N, C-alpha and C. Protein backbone atom coordinates (compact mmCIF):
# COMPACT_ATOMS: atom_id res chain seq x y z
N MET A 1 182.51 103.48 11.74
CA MET A 1 181.96 104.71 11.19
C MET A 1 180.84 105.19 12.09
N LYS A 2 180.88 106.47 12.46
CA LYS A 2 179.82 107.00 13.30
C LYS A 2 178.52 107.05 12.49
N THR A 3 177.41 107.03 13.19
CA THR A 3 176.10 107.03 12.55
C THR A 3 175.85 108.39 11.91
N VAL A 4 175.60 108.36 10.61
CA VAL A 4 175.29 109.56 9.86
C VAL A 4 173.96 109.33 9.18
N GLN A 5 173.02 110.21 9.41
CA GLN A 5 171.71 110.10 8.78
C GLN A 5 171.60 111.16 7.68
N LEU A 6 171.02 110.76 6.56
CA LEU A 6 170.76 111.69 5.48
C LEU A 6 169.27 111.73 5.20
N GLY A 7 168.75 112.93 5.05
CA GLY A 7 167.38 113.07 4.60
C GLY A 7 167.30 112.77 3.11
N GLU A 8 166.11 112.74 2.57
CA GLU A 8 165.92 112.39 1.16
C GLU A 8 166.66 113.35 0.22
N VAL A 9 166.55 114.64 0.48
CA VAL A 9 167.20 115.63 -0.38
C VAL A 9 168.72 115.58 -0.21
N GLU A 10 169.19 115.41 1.03
CA GLU A 10 170.62 115.27 1.25
C GLU A 10 171.17 114.04 0.52
N ALA A 11 170.41 112.96 0.50
CA ALA A 11 170.84 111.75 -0.18
C ALA A 11 170.92 111.98 -1.69
N ARG A 12 169.97 112.70 -2.24
CA ARG A 12 170.03 113.02 -3.68
C ARG A 12 171.25 113.89 -3.99
N PHE A 13 171.54 114.84 -3.12
CA PHE A 13 172.71 115.69 -3.29
C PHE A 13 173.98 114.88 -3.16
N ALA A 14 174.04 114.00 -2.16
CA ALA A 14 175.20 113.14 -1.97
C ALA A 14 175.43 112.27 -3.21
N ASP A 15 174.35 111.78 -3.81
CA ASP A 15 174.49 110.99 -5.03
C ASP A 15 175.13 111.78 -6.17
N LEU A 16 174.81 113.07 -6.25
CA LEU A 16 175.45 113.92 -7.26
C LEU A 16 176.97 113.89 -7.08
N ILE A 17 177.39 113.95 -5.84
CA ILE A 17 178.82 113.96 -5.54
C ILE A 17 179.42 112.58 -5.76
N TRP A 18 178.79 111.54 -5.18
CA TRP A 18 179.32 110.17 -5.31
C TRP A 18 179.46 109.76 -6.78
N ASN A 19 178.56 110.21 -7.62
CA ASN A 19 178.60 109.83 -9.03
C ASN A 19 179.68 110.53 -9.83
N ARG A 20 180.23 111.65 -9.30
CA ARG A 20 181.14 112.47 -10.11
C ARG A 20 182.45 112.86 -9.43
N ALA A 21 182.59 112.59 -8.17
CA ALA A 21 183.76 113.06 -7.42
C ALA A 21 185.03 112.39 -7.91
N PRO A 22 186.15 113.07 -7.78
CA PRO A 22 186.27 114.46 -7.32
C PRO A 22 185.78 115.43 -8.38
N LEU A 23 185.23 116.54 -7.93
CA LEU A 23 184.75 117.55 -8.86
C LEU A 23 184.89 118.93 -8.25
N PRO A 24 185.06 119.93 -9.12
CA PRO A 24 185.16 121.30 -8.62
C PRO A 24 183.83 121.72 -7.98
N SER A 25 183.92 122.47 -6.91
CA SER A 25 182.69 122.90 -6.24
C SER A 25 181.82 123.75 -7.16
N SER A 26 182.43 124.47 -8.09
CA SER A 26 181.65 125.26 -9.05
C SER A 26 180.81 124.35 -9.95
N ARG A 27 181.35 123.20 -10.30
CA ARG A 27 180.59 122.22 -11.10
C ARG A 27 179.45 121.65 -10.28
N LEU A 28 179.70 121.42 -8.99
CA LEU A 28 178.65 120.91 -8.10
C LEU A 28 177.51 121.91 -7.98
N VAL A 29 177.83 123.20 -7.92
CA VAL A 29 176.80 124.25 -7.88
C VAL A 29 175.91 124.14 -9.10
N ALA A 30 176.52 123.97 -10.28
CA ALA A 30 175.74 123.86 -11.52
C ALA A 30 174.89 122.59 -11.53
N LEU A 31 175.46 121.48 -11.07
CA LEU A 31 174.71 120.23 -11.01
C LEU A 31 173.51 120.33 -10.07
N ALA A 32 173.73 120.93 -8.90
CA ALA A 32 172.65 121.07 -7.92
C ALA A 32 171.56 122.01 -8.44
N ALA A 33 171.96 123.03 -9.18
CA ALA A 33 170.98 123.94 -9.77
C ALA A 33 170.10 123.18 -10.76
N ASP A 34 170.72 122.36 -11.60
CA ASP A 34 169.96 121.59 -12.60
C ASP A 34 169.12 120.50 -11.97
N ALA A 35 169.70 119.72 -11.08
CA ALA A 35 169.02 118.54 -10.53
C ALA A 35 168.04 118.87 -9.40
N LEU A 36 168.37 119.89 -8.60
CA LEU A 36 167.58 120.16 -7.40
C LEU A 36 166.96 121.55 -7.38
N GLY A 37 167.34 122.39 -8.34
CA GLY A 37 166.82 123.75 -8.38
C GLY A 37 167.40 124.65 -7.30
N TRP A 38 168.60 124.31 -6.83
CA TRP A 38 169.21 125.04 -5.73
C TRP A 38 170.01 126.25 -6.21
N LYS A 39 170.08 127.25 -5.33
CA LYS A 39 170.96 128.38 -5.53
C LYS A 39 172.35 128.00 -5.00
N LYS A 40 173.33 128.79 -5.37
CA LYS A 40 174.71 128.55 -4.95
C LYS A 40 174.82 128.46 -3.43
N SER A 41 174.15 129.38 -2.73
CA SER A 41 174.25 129.40 -1.27
C SER A 41 173.68 128.12 -0.64
N THR A 42 172.61 127.60 -1.19
CA THR A 42 172.02 126.35 -0.68
C THR A 42 172.99 125.20 -0.88
N THR A 43 173.60 125.15 -2.06
CA THR A 43 174.55 124.08 -2.36
C THR A 43 175.71 124.09 -1.37
N TYR A 44 176.27 125.27 -1.12
CA TYR A 44 177.41 125.35 -0.20
C TYR A 44 176.99 125.07 1.25
N THR A 45 175.78 125.45 1.62
CA THR A 45 175.30 125.16 2.97
C THR A 45 175.16 123.66 3.19
N VAL A 46 174.55 122.96 2.24
CA VAL A 46 174.35 121.52 2.38
C VAL A 46 175.69 120.79 2.24
N LEU A 47 176.55 121.26 1.34
CA LEU A 47 177.88 120.65 1.21
C LEU A 47 178.64 120.76 2.53
N LYS A 48 178.59 121.91 3.17
CA LYS A 48 179.28 122.07 4.45
C LYS A 48 178.71 121.11 5.49
N ARG A 49 177.39 120.97 5.50
CA ARG A 49 176.76 120.05 6.46
C ARG A 49 177.24 118.61 6.23
N LEU A 50 177.32 118.19 4.96
CA LEU A 50 177.77 116.82 4.67
C LEU A 50 179.26 116.66 4.91
N CYS A 51 180.02 117.72 4.74
CA CYS A 51 181.45 117.68 5.09
C CYS A 51 181.60 117.57 6.62
N ASP A 52 180.78 118.31 7.36
CA ASP A 52 180.82 118.24 8.82
C ASP A 52 180.43 116.85 9.32
N LYS A 53 179.56 116.17 8.57
CA LYS A 53 179.15 114.80 8.93
C LYS A 53 180.23 113.78 8.56
N GLY A 54 181.25 114.23 7.82
CA GLY A 54 182.36 113.36 7.49
C GLY A 54 182.23 112.59 6.19
N LEU A 55 181.22 112.89 5.38
CA LEU A 55 181.04 112.16 4.13
C LEU A 55 181.95 112.67 3.02
N PHE A 56 182.13 113.98 2.99
CA PHE A 56 182.89 114.61 1.92
C PHE A 56 183.89 115.61 2.48
N GLN A 57 184.77 116.07 1.60
CA GLN A 57 185.74 117.09 1.96
C GLN A 57 185.79 118.10 0.83
N ASN A 58 185.74 119.37 1.17
CA ASN A 58 185.89 120.44 0.18
C ASN A 58 187.29 120.99 0.37
N ASP A 59 188.20 120.51 -0.46
CA ASP A 59 189.62 120.81 -0.33
C ASP A 59 190.04 121.77 -1.42
N GLY A 60 190.15 123.04 -1.08
CA GLY A 60 190.59 124.05 -2.05
C GLY A 60 189.67 124.17 -3.25
N GLY A 61 188.38 123.98 -3.03
CA GLY A 61 187.42 124.10 -4.13
C GLY A 61 187.19 122.80 -4.89
N THR A 62 187.81 121.71 -4.44
CA THR A 62 187.58 120.40 -5.04
C THR A 62 186.88 119.53 -4.02
N VAL A 63 185.72 119.00 -4.41
CA VAL A 63 184.94 118.16 -3.51
C VAL A 63 185.36 116.71 -3.70
N ARG A 64 185.76 116.09 -2.59
CA ARG A 64 186.24 114.70 -2.61
C ARG A 64 185.41 113.85 -1.65
N VAL A 65 185.33 112.57 -1.98
CA VAL A 65 184.61 111.61 -1.15
C VAL A 65 185.50 111.15 -0.01
N VAL A 66 184.97 111.15 1.20
CA VAL A 66 185.66 110.60 2.36
C VAL A 66 185.07 109.22 2.67
N ILE A 67 183.74 109.13 2.66
CA ILE A 67 183.04 107.86 2.87
C ILE A 67 182.23 107.58 1.61
N GLY A 68 182.54 106.49 0.95
CA GLY A 68 181.87 106.14 -0.30
C GLY A 68 180.43 105.69 -0.09
N ARG A 69 179.70 105.67 -1.18
CA ARG A 69 178.29 105.28 -1.16
C ARG A 69 178.10 103.89 -0.54
N ASP A 70 178.89 102.91 -1.01
CA ASP A 70 178.75 101.54 -0.51
C ASP A 70 179.02 101.46 0.98
N ALA A 71 180.05 102.15 1.44
CA ALA A 71 180.38 102.15 2.87
C ALA A 71 179.26 102.81 3.68
N TYR A 72 178.72 103.91 3.17
CA TYR A 72 177.64 104.61 3.86
C TYR A 72 176.41 103.73 3.99
N TYR A 73 175.95 103.19 2.86
CA TYR A 73 174.72 102.39 2.90
C TYR A 73 174.94 101.05 3.60
N GLY A 74 176.16 100.52 3.55
CA GLY A 74 176.47 99.32 4.31
C GLY A 74 176.33 99.56 5.80
N ALA A 75 176.86 100.69 6.26
CA ALA A 75 176.76 101.04 7.68
C ALA A 75 175.30 101.28 8.08
N GLN A 76 174.53 101.91 7.21
CA GLN A 76 173.12 102.13 7.50
C GLN A 76 172.38 100.80 7.64
N SER A 77 172.70 99.86 6.76
CA SER A 77 172.07 98.54 6.81
C SER A 77 172.43 97.81 8.08
N GLU A 78 173.71 97.85 8.44
CA GLU A 78 174.15 97.21 9.68
C GLU A 78 173.43 97.80 10.89
N GLN A 79 173.31 99.11 10.91
CA GLN A 79 172.65 99.78 12.02
C GLN A 79 171.18 99.36 12.09
N PHE A 80 170.52 99.28 10.95
CA PHE A 80 169.11 98.88 10.92
C PHE A 80 168.93 97.46 11.46
N VAL A 81 169.76 96.54 11.01
CA VAL A 81 169.68 95.15 11.48
C VAL A 81 169.98 95.09 12.97
N GLU A 82 170.97 95.85 13.41
CA GLU A 82 171.33 95.85 14.83
C GLU A 82 170.17 96.37 15.69
N GLU A 83 169.61 97.49 15.29
CA GLU A 83 168.57 98.12 16.10
C GLU A 83 167.23 97.39 16.01
N THR A 84 166.91 96.83 14.86
CA THR A 84 165.59 96.26 14.64
C THR A 84 165.53 94.76 14.92
N PHE A 85 166.63 94.06 14.68
CA PHE A 85 166.64 92.60 14.81
C PHE A 85 167.74 92.11 15.75
N SER A 86 168.15 92.97 16.67
CA SER A 86 169.21 92.64 17.64
C SER A 86 170.46 92.11 16.96
N GLY A 87 170.74 92.62 15.79
CA GLY A 87 171.94 92.24 15.06
C GLY A 87 171.85 90.90 14.34
N SER A 88 170.68 90.29 14.30
CA SER A 88 170.53 88.97 13.69
C SER A 88 170.16 89.09 12.22
N LEU A 89 171.11 88.77 11.37
CA LEU A 89 170.84 88.77 9.93
C LEU A 89 169.81 87.70 9.56
N PRO A 90 169.88 86.48 10.14
CA PRO A 90 168.83 85.50 9.83
C PRO A 90 167.42 86.00 10.21
N ALA A 91 167.30 86.71 11.33
CA ALA A 91 165.99 87.24 11.72
C ALA A 91 165.52 88.29 10.71
N PHE A 92 166.45 89.12 10.25
CA PHE A 92 166.10 90.10 9.23
C PHE A 92 165.63 89.40 7.95
N LEU A 93 166.39 88.42 7.49
CA LEU A 93 166.02 87.71 6.26
C LEU A 93 164.69 86.99 6.41
N ALA A 94 164.43 86.41 7.58
CA ALA A 94 163.15 85.74 7.81
C ALA A 94 162.00 86.74 7.71
N ALA A 95 162.17 87.91 8.31
CA ALA A 95 161.13 88.94 8.24
C ALA A 95 160.97 89.45 6.81
N PHE A 96 162.07 89.65 6.14
CA PHE A 96 162.03 90.18 4.78
C PHE A 96 161.35 89.20 3.84
N THR A 97 161.72 87.93 3.93
CA THR A 97 161.18 86.93 2.99
C THR A 97 159.78 86.47 3.35
N SER A 98 159.29 86.82 4.54
CA SER A 98 157.91 86.46 4.88
C SER A 98 156.92 87.29 4.07
N ARG A 99 157.36 88.41 3.54
CA ARG A 99 156.47 89.28 2.75
C ARG A 99 156.86 89.35 1.28
N LYS A 100 158.09 89.01 0.97
CA LYS A 100 158.56 89.10 -0.41
C LYS A 100 159.27 87.81 -0.76
N LYS A 101 158.71 87.09 -1.70
CA LYS A 101 159.31 85.84 -2.14
C LYS A 101 160.57 86.14 -2.94
N LEU A 102 161.65 85.46 -2.60
CA LEU A 102 162.91 85.63 -3.34
C LEU A 102 162.82 84.89 -4.67
N THR A 103 163.43 85.51 -5.68
CA THR A 103 163.50 84.85 -6.98
C THR A 103 164.60 83.79 -6.93
N PRO A 104 164.57 82.83 -7.85
CA PRO A 104 165.66 81.84 -7.89
C PRO A 104 167.03 82.50 -8.06
N GLN A 105 167.10 83.60 -8.78
CA GLN A 105 168.36 84.31 -8.96
C GLN A 105 168.83 84.92 -7.64
N GLU A 106 167.90 85.47 -6.86
CA GLU A 106 168.27 86.05 -5.57
C GLU A 106 168.75 84.96 -4.60
N VAL A 107 168.07 83.82 -4.60
CA VAL A 107 168.48 82.70 -3.75
C VAL A 107 169.88 82.24 -4.14
N ALA A 108 170.13 82.11 -5.43
CA ALA A 108 171.45 81.68 -5.92
C ALA A 108 172.52 82.69 -5.52
N ALA A 109 172.20 83.98 -5.63
CA ALA A 109 173.17 85.02 -5.26
C ALA A 109 173.49 84.96 -3.76
N LEU A 110 172.47 84.74 -2.94
CA LEU A 110 172.69 84.63 -1.49
C LEU A 110 173.53 83.40 -1.17
N LYS A 111 173.23 82.28 -1.80
CA LYS A 111 174.02 81.06 -1.58
C LYS A 111 175.48 81.29 -1.97
N GLU A 112 175.69 81.96 -3.09
CA GLU A 112 177.05 82.25 -3.54
C GLU A 112 177.79 83.13 -2.53
N MET A 113 177.08 84.13 -1.98
CA MET A 113 177.70 85.00 -0.98
C MET A 113 178.08 84.20 0.26
N ILE A 114 177.20 83.31 0.71
CA ILE A 114 177.47 82.49 1.89
C ILE A 114 178.64 81.55 1.62
N ASP A 115 178.63 80.90 0.45
CA ASP A 115 179.73 80.00 0.11
C ASP A 115 181.06 80.74 0.07
N SER A 116 181.05 81.93 -0.49
CA SER A 116 182.26 82.74 -0.58
C SER A 116 182.74 83.12 0.82
N TYR A 117 181.82 83.47 1.70
CA TYR A 117 182.16 83.82 3.07
C TYR A 117 182.78 82.62 3.79
N GLU A 118 182.15 81.46 3.61
CA GLU A 118 182.65 80.26 4.28
C GLU A 118 184.06 79.90 3.82
N GLU A 119 184.35 80.12 2.55
CA GLU A 119 185.68 79.85 2.01
C GLU A 119 186.72 80.80 2.60
N ASP A 120 186.32 82.05 2.85
CA ASP A 120 187.26 83.05 3.36
C ASP A 120 187.36 83.05 4.89
N ALA A 121 186.43 82.38 5.57
CA ALA A 121 186.42 82.39 7.03
C ALA A 121 187.62 81.59 7.56
N PRO A 122 188.17 82.04 8.71
CA PRO A 122 189.33 81.35 9.29
C PRO A 122 188.96 80.00 9.84
């Protein structure tokens, strides 16, 4: 997936779509008016921008997801770890946990993820 950056307002708008898609563009206009205070023209301008970025598709007045929320944020996380920690997840976790102590539940969840990965690895 190519690198796509979203500003704070674009991310809030994208969440409106991710939470409800597929949806008619007219419904999206109403949602954006309520949630963001946008006019119709602003909604269509930002929707076109996000469609051009490859996140969504406006197909005959129906807005559909091309790249889901999990895939988008997963790619953003991978890019951050790659750029900031030379792709080293252990280095990222070491930096993260040096300032924030993990709860026993978080440690258990991480162990479960690692165990699951090891079971699925060739």
